[in-house]
Amino acid sequence: MPDKLKTYFDFLKRMKKLAYGEKLKEYLRKKEVYLIIILPRCSEKNREKMYRIAFDTAIVDGDENIASYLDKDVNYVGILNSDLAKAIQTCLNERRKEDGQKEEREQN
């Protein structure tokens, strides 16, 4: 079964609803960003900076899989589509729950 997140990112790429770097900051000023995903390679300094800039936008931590879905080497990515932002956030939350349950099983 194909990965849902990869499918969502493919849709976003085709729709041109992903924002990186300066474009992301521009869209944040216009309040057009629905979700920001911070990737693991992002430094603590850049992470704090993004939290200050995007204080009223949903921000979640991503994983290396998300980094592989993007065509660019970036620290964070903005989602410019509200429906897909919600779907991605739900998928990430489900993954975290599954990972937590796997860790619990391994400890027992």
PDB file of N, CA and C in Angstrom:
ATOM      1  N   MET A   1       0.845  -1.195   0.000  1.00  0.00           N
ATOM      2  CA  MET A   1       0.000   0.000   0.000  1.00  0.00           C
ATOM      3  C   MET A   1       0.879   1.244   0.000  1.00  0.00           C
ATOM      4  N   PRO A   2       0.627   2.188  -0.887  1.00  0.00           N
ATOM      5  CA  PRO A   2       1.459   3.382  -0.956  1.00  0.00           C
ATOM      6  C   PRO A   2       1.308   4.238   0.306  1.00  0.00           C
ATOM      7  N   ASP A   3       2.358   4.968   0.596  1.00  0.00           N
ATOM      8  CA  ASP A   3       2.382   5.838   1.764  1.00  0.00           C
ATOM      9  C   ASP A   3       1.472   7.043   1.527  1.00  0.00           C
ATOM     10  N   LYS A   4       0.537   7.277   2.457  1.00  0.00           N
ATOM     11  CA  LYS A   4      -0.400   8.404   2.316  1.00  0.00           C
ATOM     12  C   LYS A   4       0.331   9.737   2.243  1.00  0.00           C
ATOM     13  N   LEU A   5       1.328   9.902   3.118  1.00  0.00           N
ATOM     14  CA  LEU A   5       2.043  11.180   3.131  1.00  0.00           C
ATOM     15  C   LEU A   5       2.708  11.476   1.797  1.00  0.00           C
ATOM     16  N   LYS A   6       3.321  10.466   1.201  1.00  0.00           N
ATOM     17  CA  LYS A   6       3.951  10.671  -0.106  1.00  0.00           C
ATOM     18  C   LYS A   6       2.912  11.115  -1.126  1.00  0.00           C
ATOM     19  N   THR A   7       1.744  10.498  -1.094  1.00  0.00           N
ATOM     20  CA  THR A   7       0.664  10.861  -2.012  1.00  0.00           C
ATOM     21  C   THR A   7       0.240  12.305  -1.792  1.00  0.00           C
ATOM     22  N   TYR A   8       0.078  12.691  -0.529  1.00  0.00           N
ATOM     23  CA  TYR A   8      -0.310  14.076  -0.224  1.00  0.00           C
ATOM     24  C   TYR A   8       0.747  15.065  -0.728  1.00  0.00           C
ATOM     25  N   PHE A   9       2.011  14.746  -0.525  1.00  0.00           N
ATOM     26  CA  PHE A   9       3.069  15.650  -0.982  1.00  0.00           C
ATOM     27  C   PHE A   9       3.134  15.704  -2.510  1.00  0.00           C
ATOM     28  N   ASP A  10       2.862  14.606  -3.161  1.00  0.00           N
ATOM     29  CA  ASP A  10       2.812  14.619  -4.629  1.00  0.00           C
ATOM     30  C   ASP A  10       1.690  15.545  -5.119  1.00  0.00           C
ATOM     31  N   PHE A  11       0.531  15.469  -4.466  1.00  0.00           N
ATOM     32  CA  PHE A  11      -0.568  16.382  -4.823  1.00  0.00           C
ATOM     33  C   PHE A  11      -0.143  17.834  -4.619  1.00  0.00           C
ATOM     34  N   LEU A  12       0.449  18.112  -3.475  1.00  0.00           N
ATOM     35  CA  LEU A  12       0.864  19.482  -3.162  1.00  0.00           C
ATOM     36  C   LEU A  12       1.885  20.008  -4.162  1.00  0.00           C
ATOM     37  N   LYS A  13       2.805  19.147  -4.581  1.00  0.00           N
ATOM     38  CA  LYS A  13       3.801  19.568  -5.572  1.00  0.00           C
ATOM     39  C   LYS A  13       3.126  19.918  -6.897  1.00  0.00           C
ATOM     40  N   ARG A  14       2.191  19.052  -7.321  1.00  0.00           N
ATOM     41  CA  ARG A  14       1.487  19.319  -8.584  1.00  0.00           C
ATOM     42  C   ARG A  14       0.649  20.586  -8.506  1.00  0.00           C
ATOM     43  N   MET A  15       0.060  20.828  -7.341  1.00  0.00           N
ATOM     44  CA  MET A  15      -0.786  22.012  -7.154  1.00  0.00           C
ATOM     45  C   MET A  15       0.043  23.268  -6.873  1.00  0.00           C
ATOM     46  N   LYS A  16       1.343  23.089  -6.665  1.00  0.00           N
ATOM     47  CA  LYS A  16       2.248  24.190  -6.296  1.00  0.00           C
ATOM     48  C   LYS A  16       1.789  24.855  -5.005  1.00  0.00           C
ATOM     49  N   LYS A  17       1.522  24.016  -4.004  1.00  0.00           N
ATOM     50  CA  LYS A  17       1.050  24.483  -2.707  1.00  0.00           C
ATOM     51  C   LYS A  17       2.039  24.160  -1.588  1.00  0.00           C
ATOM     52  N   LEU A  18       3.334  24.086  -1.948  1.00  0.00           N
ATOM     53  CA  LEU A  18       4.404  23.932  -0.969  1.00  0.00           C
ATOM     54  C   LEU A  18       5.246  25.195  -0.997  1.00  0.00           C
ATOM     55  N   ALA A  19       5.686  25.646   0.164  1.00  0.00           N
ATOM     56  CA  ALA A  19       6.512  26.855   0.210  1.00  0.00           C
ATOM     57  C   ALA A  19       7.760  26.589   1.052  1.00  0.00           C
ATOM     58  N   TYR A  20       8.899  27.121   0.584  1.00  0.00           N
ATOM     59  CA  TYR A  20      10.179  26.961   1.259  1.00  0.00           C
ATOM     60  C   TYR A  20      10.850  28.333   1.371  1.00  0.00           C
ATOM     61  N   GLY A  21      11.776  28.467   2.293  1.00  0.00           N
ATOM     62  CA  GLY A  21      12.644  29.632   2.375  1.00  0.00           C
ATOM     63  C   GLY A  21      11.922  30.969   2.407  1.00  0.00           C
ATOM     64  N   GLU A  22      12.386  31.889   1.573  1.00  0.00           N
ATOM     65  CA  GLU A  22      11.827  33.250   1.547  1.00  0.00           C
ATOM     66  C   GLU A  22      10.363  33.263   1.103  1.00  0.00           C
ATOM     67  N   LYS A  23      10.014  32.373   0.186  1.00  0.00           N
ATOM     68  CA  LYS A  23       8.611  32.280  -0.253  1.00  0.00           C
ATOM     69  C   LYS A  23       7.713  31.915   0.925  1.00  0.00           C
ATOM     70  N   LEU A  24       8.198  31.031   1.781  1.00  0.00           N
ATOM     71  CA  LEU A  24       7.435  30.634   2.962  1.00  0.00           C
ATOM     72  C   LEU A  24       7.191  31.845   3.856  1.00  0.00           C
ATOM     73  N   LYS A  25       8.213  32.637   4.073  1.00  0.00           N
ATOM     74  CA  LYS A  25       8.061  33.837   4.909  1.00  0.00           C
ATOM     75  C   LYS A  25       7.069  34.820   4.285  1.00  0.00           C
ATOM     76  N   GLU A  26       7.110  34.933   2.968  1.00  0.00           N
ATOM     77  CA  GLU A  26       6.168  35.808   2.262  1.00  0.00           C
ATOM     78  C   GLU A  26       4.721  35.324   2.467  1.00  0.00           C
ATOM     79  N   TYR A  27       4.504  34.014   2.307  1.00  0.00           N
ATOM     80  CA  TYR A  27       3.167  33.459   2.512  1.00  0.00           C
ATOM     81  C   TYR A  27       2.726  33.566   3.970  1.00  0.00           C
ATOM     82  N   LEU A  28       3.668  33.478   4.907  1.00  0.00           N
ATOM     83  CA  LEU A  28       3.327  33.644   6.327  1.00  0.00           C
ATOM     84  C   LEU A  28       2.823  35.057   6.601  1.00  0.00           C
ATOM     85  N   ARG A  29       3.467  36.043   5.980  1.00  0.00           N
ATOM     86  CA  ARG A  29       3.015  37.435   6.150  1.00  0.00           C
ATOM     87  C   ARG A  29       1.603  37.624   5.609  1.00  0.00           C
ATOM     88  N   LYS A  30       1.284  36.912   4.527  1.00  0.00           N
ATOM     89  CA  LYS A  30      -0.053  36.994   3.930  1.00  0.00           C
ATOM     90  C   LYS A  30      -1.062  36.091   4.633  1.00  0.00           C
ATOM     91  N   LYS A  31      -0.602  35.314   5.631  1.00  0.00           N
ATOM     92  CA  LYS A  31      -1.449  34.369   6.388  1.00  0.00           C
ATOM     93  C   LYS A  31      -2.062  33.299   5.478  1.00  0.00           C
ATOM     94  N   GLU A  32      -1.255  32.769   4.549  1.00  0.00           N
ATOM     95  CA  GLU A  32      -1.711  31.742   3.619  1.00  0.00           C
ATOM     96  C   GLU A  32      -1.121  30.367   3.903  1.00  0.00           C
ATOM     97  N   VAL A  33      -0.423  30.229   5.035  1.00  0.00           N
ATOM     98  CA  VAL A  33       0.193  28.950   5.391  1.00  0.00           C
ATOM     99  C   VAL A  33      -0.668  28.282   6.457  1.00  0.00           C
ATOM    100  N   TYR A  34      -1.033  27.029   6.218  1.00  0.00           N
ATOM    101  CA  TYR A  34      -1.905  26.303   7.142  1.00  0.00           C
ATOM    102  C   TYR A  34      -1.139  25.353   8.060  1.00  0.00           C
ATOM    103  N   LEU A  35       0.052  24.947   7.636  1.00  0.00           N
ATOM    104  CA  LEU A  35       0.848  24.024   8.435  1.00  0.00           C
ATOM    105  C   LEU A  35       2.319  24.191   8.055  1.00  0.00           C
ATOM    106  N   ILE A  36       3.175  24.155   9.064  1.00  0.00           N
ATOM    107  CA  ILE A  36       4.618  24.160   8.822  1.00  0.00           C
ATOM    108  C   ILE A  36       5.175  22.860   9.391  1.00  0.00           C
ATOM    109  N   ILE A  37       5.953  22.185   8.586  1.00  0.00           N
ATOM    110  CA  ILE A  37       6.604  20.951   9.034  1.00  0.00           C
ATOM    111  C   ILE A  37       8.096  21.250   9.162  1.00  0.00           C
ATOM    112  N   ILE A  38       8.599  21.058  10.371  1.00  0.00           N
ATOM    113  CA  ILE A  38      10.024  21.268  10.628  1.00  0.00           C
ATOM    114  C   ILE A  38      10.710  19.912  10.519  1.00  0.00           C
ATOM    115  N   LEU A  39      11.701  19.835   9.654  1.00  0.00           N
ATOM    116  CA  LEU A  39      12.391  18.576   9.396  1.00  0.00           C
ATOM    117  C   LEU A  39      13.522  18.369  10.404  1.00  0.00           C
ATOM    118  N   PRO A  40      13.932  17.119  10.611  1.00  0.00           N
ATOM    119  CA  PRO A  40      14.933  16.808  11.632  1.00  0.00           C
ATOM    120  C   PRO A  40      16.270  17.521  11.453  1.00  0.00           C
ATOM    121  N   ARG A  41      16.642  17.841  10.233  1.00  0.00           N
ATOM    122  CA  ARG A  41      17.948  18.474  10.001  1.00  0.00           C
ATOM    123  C   ARG A  41      17.984  19.937  10.433  1.00  0.00           C
ATOM    124  N   CYS A  42      16.838  20.506  10.796  1.00  0.00           N
ATOM    125  CA  CYS A  42      16.747  21.915  11.189  1.00  0.00           C
ATOM    126  C   CYS A  42      17.458  22.138  12.527  1.00  0.00           C
ATOM    127  N   SER A  43      18.297  23.167  12.575  1.00  0.00           N
ATOM    128  CA  SER A  43      19.016  23.466  13.815  1.00  0.00           C
ATOM    129  C   SER A  43      18.052  24.059  14.848  1.00  0.00           C
ATOM    130  N   GLU A  44      18.444  24.009  16.094  1.00  0.00           N
ATOM    131  CA  GLU A  44      17.605  24.547  17.176  1.00  0.00           C
ATOM    132  C   GLU A  44      17.386  26.058  16.981  1.00  0.00           C
ATOM    133  N   LYS A  45      18.407  26.749  16.506  1.00  0.00           N
ATOM    134  CA  LYS A  45      18.301  28.194  16.267  1.00  0.00           C
ATOM    135  C   LYS A  45      17.243  28.494  15.198  1.00  0.00           C
ATOM    136  N   ASN A  46      17.285  27.764  14.083  1.00  0.00           N
ATOM    137  CA  ASN A  46      16.295  27.959  13.013  1.00  0.00           C
ATOM    138  C   ASN A  46      14.905  27.543  13.463  1.00  0.00           C
ATOM    139  N   ARG A  47      14.833  26.505  14.283  1.00  0.00           N
ATOM    140  CA  ARG A  47      13.555  26.033  14.808  1.00  0.00           C
ATOM    141  C   ARG A  47      12.902  27.139  15.654  1.00  0.00           C
ATOM    142  N   GLU A  48      13.678  27.726  16.557  1.00  0.00           N
ATOM    143  CA  GLU A  48      13.162  28.809  17.401  1.00  0.00           C
ATOM    144  C   GLU A  48      12.749  30.012  16.567  1.00  0.00           C
ATOM    145  N   LYS A  49      13.539  30.317  15.548  1.00  0.00           N
ATOM    146  CA  LYS A  49      13.224  31.437  14.649  1.00  0.00           C
ATOM    147  C   LYS A  49      11.877  31.208  13.956  1.00  0.00           C
ATOM    148  N   MET A  50      11.632  29.972  13.492  1.00  0.00           N
ATOM    149  CA  MET A  50      10.377  29.663  12.809  1.00  0.00           C
ATOM    150  C   MET A  50       9.205  29.775  13.781  1.00  0.00           C
ATOM    151  N   TYR A  51       9.405  29.333  15.014  1.00  0.00           N
ATOM    152  CA  TYR A  51       8.328  29.448  16.005  1.00  0.00           C
ATOM    153  C   TYR A  51       7.989  30.913  16.272  1.00  0.00           C
ATOM    154  N   ARG A  52       8.997  31.787  16.261  1.00  0.00           N
ATOM    155  CA  ARG A  52       8.734  33.227  16.469  1.00  0.00           C
ATOM    156  C   ARG A  52       8.005  33.831  15.280  1.00  0.00           C
ATOM    157  N   ILE A  53       8.425  33.480  14.076  1.00  0.00           N
ATOM    158  CA  ILE A  53       7.831  34.045  12.862  1.00  0.00           C
ATOM    159  C   ILE A  53       6.398  33.553  12.672  1.00  0.00           C
ATOM    160  N   ALA A  54       6.180  32.265  12.921  1.00  0.00           N
ATOM    161  CA  ALA A  54       4.892  31.628  12.615  1.00  0.00           C
ATOM    162  C   ALA A  54       4.122  31.307  13.882  1.00  0.00           C
ATOM    163  N   PHE A  55       4.053  32.239  14.792  1.00  0.00           N
ATOM    164  CA  PHE A  55       3.437  31.985  16.095  1.00  0.00           C
ATOM    165  C   PHE A  55       1.959  31.614  16.016  1.00  0.00           C
ATOM    166  N   ASP A  56       1.252  31.981  14.964  1.00  0.00           N
ATOM    167  CA  ASP A  56      -0.179  31.674  14.865  1.00  0.00           C
ATOM    168  C   ASP A  56      -0.490  30.598  13.816  1.00  0.00           C
ATOM    169  N   THR A  57       0.537  29.836  13.430  1.00  0.00           N
ATOM    170  CA  THR A  57       0.374  28.766  12.437  1.00  0.00           C
ATOM    171  C   THR A  57       0.708  27.433  13.094  1.00  0.00           C
ATOM    172  N   ALA A  58      -0.004  26.379  12.731  1.00  0.00           N
ATOM    173  CA  ALA A  58       0.282  25.047  13.270  1.00  0.00           C
ATOM    174  C   ALA A  58       1.662  24.599  12.809  1.00  0.00           C
ATOM    175  N   ILE A  59       2.464  24.112  13.751  1.00  0.00           N
ATOM    176  CA  ILE A  59       3.815  23.653  13.449  1.00  0.00           C
ATOM    177  C   ILE A  59       3.975  22.248  14.010  1.00  0.00           C
ATOM    178  N   VAL A  60       4.474  21.334  13.193  1.00  0.00           N
ATOM    179  CA  VAL A  60       4.718  19.961  13.644  1.00  0.00           C
ATOM    180  C   VAL A  60       6.130  19.543  13.227  1.00  0.00           C
ATOM    181  N   ASP A  61       6.665  18.576  13.948  1.00  0.00           N
ATOM    182  CA  ASP A  61       7.964  18.003  13.590  1.00  0.00           C
ATOM    183  C   ASP A  61       7.748  16.896  12.581  1.00  0.00           C
ATOM    184  N   GLY A  62       8.542  16.918  11.541  1.00  0.00           N
ATOM    185  CA  GLY A  62       8.468  15.886  10.521  1.00  0.00           C
ATOM    186  C   GLY A  62       9.530  14.829  10.752  1.00  0.00           C
ATOM    187  N   ASP A  63       9.632  13.887   9.837  1.00  0.00           N
ATOM    188  CA  ASP A  63      10.652  12.851   9.934  1.00  0.00           C
ATOM    189  C   ASP A  63      11.434  12.792   8.621  1.00  0.00           C
ATOM    190  N   GLU A  64      12.413  11.912   8.587  1.00  0.00           N
ATOM    191  CA  GLU A  64      13.266  11.806   7.399  1.00  0.00           C
ATOM    192  C   GLU A  64      12.485  11.378   6.164  1.00  0.00           C
ATOM    193  N   ASN A  65      11.383  10.639   6.338  1.00  0.00           N
ATOM    194  CA  ASN A  65      10.579  10.253   5.182  1.00  0.00           C
ATOM    195  C   ASN A  65      10.059  11.482   4.449  1.00  0.00           C
ATOM    196  N   ILE A  66       9.619  12.471   5.198  1.00  0.00           N
ATOM    197  CA  ILE A  66       9.102  13.692   4.579  1.00  0.00           C
ATOM    198  C   ILE A  66      10.210  14.389   3.800  1.00  0.00           C
ATOM    199  N   ALA A  67      11.399  14.416   4.365  1.00  0.00           N
ATOM    200  CA  ALA A  67      12.523  15.033   3.669  1.00  0.00           C
ATOM    201  C   ALA A  67      12.756  14.353   2.322  1.00  0.00           C
ATOM    202  N   SER A  68      12.551  13.057   2.269  1.00  0.00           N
ATOM    203  CA  SER A  68      12.774  12.338   1.008  1.00  0.00           C
ATOM    204  C   SER A  68      11.677  12.612  -0.024  1.00  0.00           C
ATOM    205  N   TYR A  69      10.493  13.044   0.418  1.00  0.00           N
ATOM    206  CA  TYR A  69       9.396  13.337  -0.514  1.00  0.00           C
ATOM    207  C   TYR A  69       9.589  14.676  -1.225  1.00  0.00           C
ATOM    208  N   LEU A  70      10.396  15.541  -0.646  1.00  0.00           N
ATOM    209  CA  LEU A  70      10.601  16.876  -1.212  1.00  0.00           C
ATOM    210  C   LEU A  70      11.755  16.849  -2.206  1.00  0.00           C
ATOM    211  N   ASP A  71      11.694  17.702  -3.193  1.00  0.00           N
ATOM    212  CA  ASP A  71      12.761  17.773  -4.185  1.00  0.00           C
ATOM    213  C   ASP A  71      13.877  18.711  -3.758  1.00  0.00           C
ATOM    214  N   LYS A  72      13.722  19.330  -2.615  1.00  0.00           N
ATOM    215  CA  LYS A  72      14.683  20.330  -2.158  1.00  0.00           C
ATOM    216  C   LYS A  72      15.262  19.932  -0.812  1.00  0.00           C
ATOM    217  N   ASP A  73      16.450  20.431  -0.534  1.00  0.00           N
ATOM    218  CA  ASP A  73      17.101  20.196   0.752  1.00  0.00           C
ATOM    219  C   ASP A  73      16.774  21.391   1.651  1.00  0.00           C
ATOM    220  N   VAL A  74      15.714  21.277   2.440  1.00  0.00           N
ATOM    221  CA  VAL A  74      15.235  22.394   3.247  1.00  0.00           C
ATOM    222  C   VAL A  74      15.095  21.981   4.717  1.00  0.00           C
ATOM    223  N   ASN A  75      15.001  22.985   5.581  1.00  0.00           N
ATOM    224  CA  ASN A  75      14.822  22.742   7.014  1.00  0.00           C
ATOM    225  C   ASN A  75      13.353  22.654   7.402  1.00  0.00           C
ATOM    226  N   TYR A  76      12.526  23.368   6.670  1.00  0.00           N
ATOM    227  CA  TYR A  76      11.088  23.355   6.947  1.00  0.00           C
ATOM    228  C   TYR A  76      10.325  23.633   5.668  1.00  0.00           C
ATOM    229  N   VAL A  77       9.059  23.216   5.685  1.00  0.00           N
ATOM    230  CA  VAL A  77       8.214  23.378   4.507  1.00  0.00           C
ATOM    231  C   VAL A  77       6.840  23.848   4.964  1.00  0.00           C
ATOM    232  N   GLY A  78       6.245  24.749   4.199  1.00  0.00           N
ATOM    233  CA  GLY A  78       4.914  25.249   4.502  1.00  0.00           C
ATOM    234  C   GLY A  78       3.886  24.635   3.563  1.00  0.00           C
ATOM    235  N   ILE A  79       2.731  24.281   4.125  1.00  0.00           N
ATOM    236  CA  ILE A  79       1.635  23.707   3.349  1.00  0.00           C
ATOM    237  C   ILE A  79       0.602  24.801   3.126  1.00  0.00           C
ATOM    238  N   LEU A  80       0.244  25.052   1.865  1.00  0.00           N
ATOM    239  CA  LEU A  80      -0.636  26.158   1.506  1.00  0.00           C
ATOM    240  C   LEU A  80      -2.056  25.709   1.154  1.00  0.00           C
ATOM    241  N   ASN A  81      -2.417  24.505   1.523  1.00  0.00           N
ATOM    242  CA  ASN A  81      -3.755  23.971   1.260  1.00  0.00           C
ATOM    243  C   ASN A  81      -4.321  23.462   2.582  1.00  0.00           C
ATOM    244  N   SER A  82      -5.457  24.003   2.996  1.00  0.00           N
ATOM    245  CA  SER A  82      -5.982  23.689   4.330  1.00  0.00           C
ATOM    246  C   SER A  82      -6.396  22.221   4.477  1.00  0.00           C
ATOM    247  N   ASP A  83      -7.033  21.657   3.465  1.00  0.00           N
ATOM    248  CA  ASP A  83      -7.492  20.270   3.560  1.00  0.00           C
ATOM    249  C   ASP A  83      -6.324  19.289   3.655  1.00  0.00           C
ATOM    250  N   LEU A  84      -5.327  19.483   2.801  1.00  0.00           N
ATOM    251  CA  LEU A  84      -4.171  18.592   2.845  1.00  0.00           C
ATOM    252  C   LEU A  84      -3.331  18.832   4.091  1.00  0.00           C
ATOM    253  N   ALA A  85      -3.308  20.059   4.594  1.00  0.00           N
ATOM    254  CA  ALA A  85      -2.594  20.339   5.845  1.00  0.00           C
ATOM    255  C   ALA A  85      -3.204  19.533   6.989  1.00  0.00           C
ATOM    256  N   LYS A  86      -4.532  19.504   7.060  1.00  0.00           N
ATOM    257  CA  LYS A  86      -5.211  18.720   8.104  1.00  0.00           C
ATOM    258  C   LYS A  86      -4.927  17.234   7.940  1.00  0.00           C
ATOM    259  N   ALA A  87      -4.971  16.743   6.706  1.00  0.00           N
ATOM    260  CA  ALA A  87      -4.727  15.321   6.437  1.00  0.00           C
ATOM    261  C   ALA A  87      -3.296  14.934   6.814  1.00  0.00           C
ATOM    262  N   ILE A  88      -2.342  15.782   6.477  1.00  0.00           N
ATOM    263  CA  ILE A  88      -0.940  15.508   6.800  1.00  0.00           C
ATOM    264  C   ILE A  88      -0.732  15.512   8.307  1.00  0.00           C
ATOM    265  N   GLN A  89      -1.336  16.474   8.984  1.00  0.00           N
ATOM    266  CA  GLN A  89      -1.190  16.549  10.438  1.00  0.00           C
ATOM    267  C   GLN A  89      -1.790  15.302  11.102  1.00  0.00           C
ATOM    268  N   THR A  90      -2.915  14.833  10.596  1.00  0.00           N
ATOM    269  CA  THR A  90      -3.534  13.614  11.117  1.00  0.00           C
ATOM    270  C   THR A  90      -2.619  12.409  10.895  1.00  0.00           C
ATOM    271  N   CYS A  91      -2.049  12.290   9.705  1.00  0.00           N
ATOM    272  CA  CYS A  91      -1.139  11.181   9.403  1.00  0.00           C
ATOM    273  C   CYS A  91       0.077  11.199  10.322  1.00  0.00           C
ATOM    274  N   LEU A  92       0.651  12.366  10.528  1.00  0.00           N
ATOM    275  CA  LEU A  92       1.820  12.467  11.397  1.00  0.00           C
ATOM    276  C   LEU A  92       1.474  12.086  12.829  1.00  0.00           C
ATOM    277  N   ASN A  93       0.307  12.503  13.303  1.00  0.00           N
ATOM    278  CA  ASN A  93      -0.123  12.137  14.658  1.00  0.00           C
ATOM    279  C   ASN A  93      -0.325  10.629  14.774  1.00  0.00           C
ATOM    280  N   GLU A  94      -0.917  10.009  13.752  1.00  0.00           N
ATOM    281  CA  GLU A  94      -1.109   8.558  13.753  1.00  0.00           C
ATOM    282  C   GLU A  94       0.228   7.828  13.769  1.00  0.00           C
ATOM    283  N   ARG A  95       1.186   8.322  12.997  1.00  0.00           N
ATOM    284  CA  ARG A  95       2.525   7.705  12.971  1.00  0.00           C
ATOM    285  C   ARG A  95       3.167   7.764  14.349  1.00  0.00           C
ATOM    286  N   ARG A  96       3.034   8.909  15.011  1.00  0.00           N
ATOM    287  CA  ARG A  96       3.625   9.053  16.349  1.00  0.00           C
ATOM    288  C   ARG A  96       2.988   8.075  17.336  1.00  0.00           C
ATOM    289  N   LYS A  97       1.674   7.919  17.247  1.00  0.00           N
ATOM    290  CA  LYS A  97       0.987   6.968  18.133  1.00  0.00           C
ATOM    291  C   LYS A  97       1.475   5.548  17.867  1.00  0.00           C
ATOM    292  N   GLU A  98       1.587   5.186  16.584  1.00  0.00           N
ATOM    293  CA  GLU A  98       2.062   3.845  16.220  1.00  0.00           C
ATOM    294  C   GLU A  98       3.482   3.632  16.714  1.00  0.00           C
ATOM    295  N   ASP A  99       4.348   4.631  16.536  1.00  0.00           N
ATOM    296  CA  ASP A  99       5.733   4.518  16.995  1.00  0.00           C
ATOM    297  C   ASP A  99       5.792   4.364  18.512  1.00  0.00           C
ATOM    298  N   GLY A 100       4.946   5.091  19.222  1.00  0.00           N
ATOM    299  CA  GLY A 100       4.886   4.992  20.675  1.00  0.00           C
ATOM    300  C   GLY A 100       4.430   3.623  21.121  1.00  0.00           C
ATOM    301  N   GLN A 101       3.455   3.063  20.425  1.00  0.00           N
ATOM    302  CA  GLN A 101       2.959   1.729  20.771  1.00  0.00           C
ATOM    303  C   GLN A 101       4.014   0.664  20.481  1.00  0.00           C
ATOM    304  N   LYS A 102       4.763   0.826  19.384  1.00  0.00           N
ATOM    305  CA  LYS A 102       5.825  -0.118  19.067  1.00  0.00           C
ATOM    306  C   LYS A 102       6.908  -0.103  20.141  1.00  0.00           C
ATOM    307  N   GLU A 103       7.268   1.107  20.602  1.00  0.00           N
ATOM    308  CA  GLU A 103       8.288   1.230  21.647  1.00  0.00           C
ATOM    309  C   GLU A 103       7.806   0.584  22.935  1.00  0.00           C
ATOM    310  N   GLU A 104       6.522   0.756  23.260  1.00  0.00           N
ATOM    311  CA  GLU A 104       5.970   0.137  24.463  1.00  0.00           C
ATOM    312  C   GLU A 104       6.060  -1.373  24.379  1.00  0.00           C
ATOM    313  N   ARG A 105       5.683  -1.931  23.231  1.00  0.00           N
ATOM    314  CA  ARG A 105       5.733  -3.391  23.046  1.00  0.00           C
ATOM    315  C   ARG A 105       7.155  -3.924  23.184  1.00  0.00           C
ATOM    316  N   GLU A 106       8.114  -3.164  22.623  1.00  0.00           N
ATOM    317  CA  GLU A 106       9.514  -3.598  22.679  1.00  0.00           C
ATOM    318  C   GLU A 106      10.037  -3.577  24.112  1.00  0.00           C
ATOM    319  N   GLN A 107       9.555  -2.628  24.917  1.00  0.00           N
ATOM    320  CA  GLN A 107      10.006  -2.534  26.305  1.00  0.00           C
ATOM    321  C   GLN A 107       9.417  -3.661  27.154  1.00  0.00           C
ATOM    322  N   ASN A 108       8.236  -4.119  26.804  1.00  0.00           N
ATOM    323  CA  ASN A 108       7.575  -5.190  27.594  1.00  0.00           C
ATOM    324  C   ASN A 108       8.114  -6.487  27.194  1.00  0.00           C
TER     325      ASN A 108
END
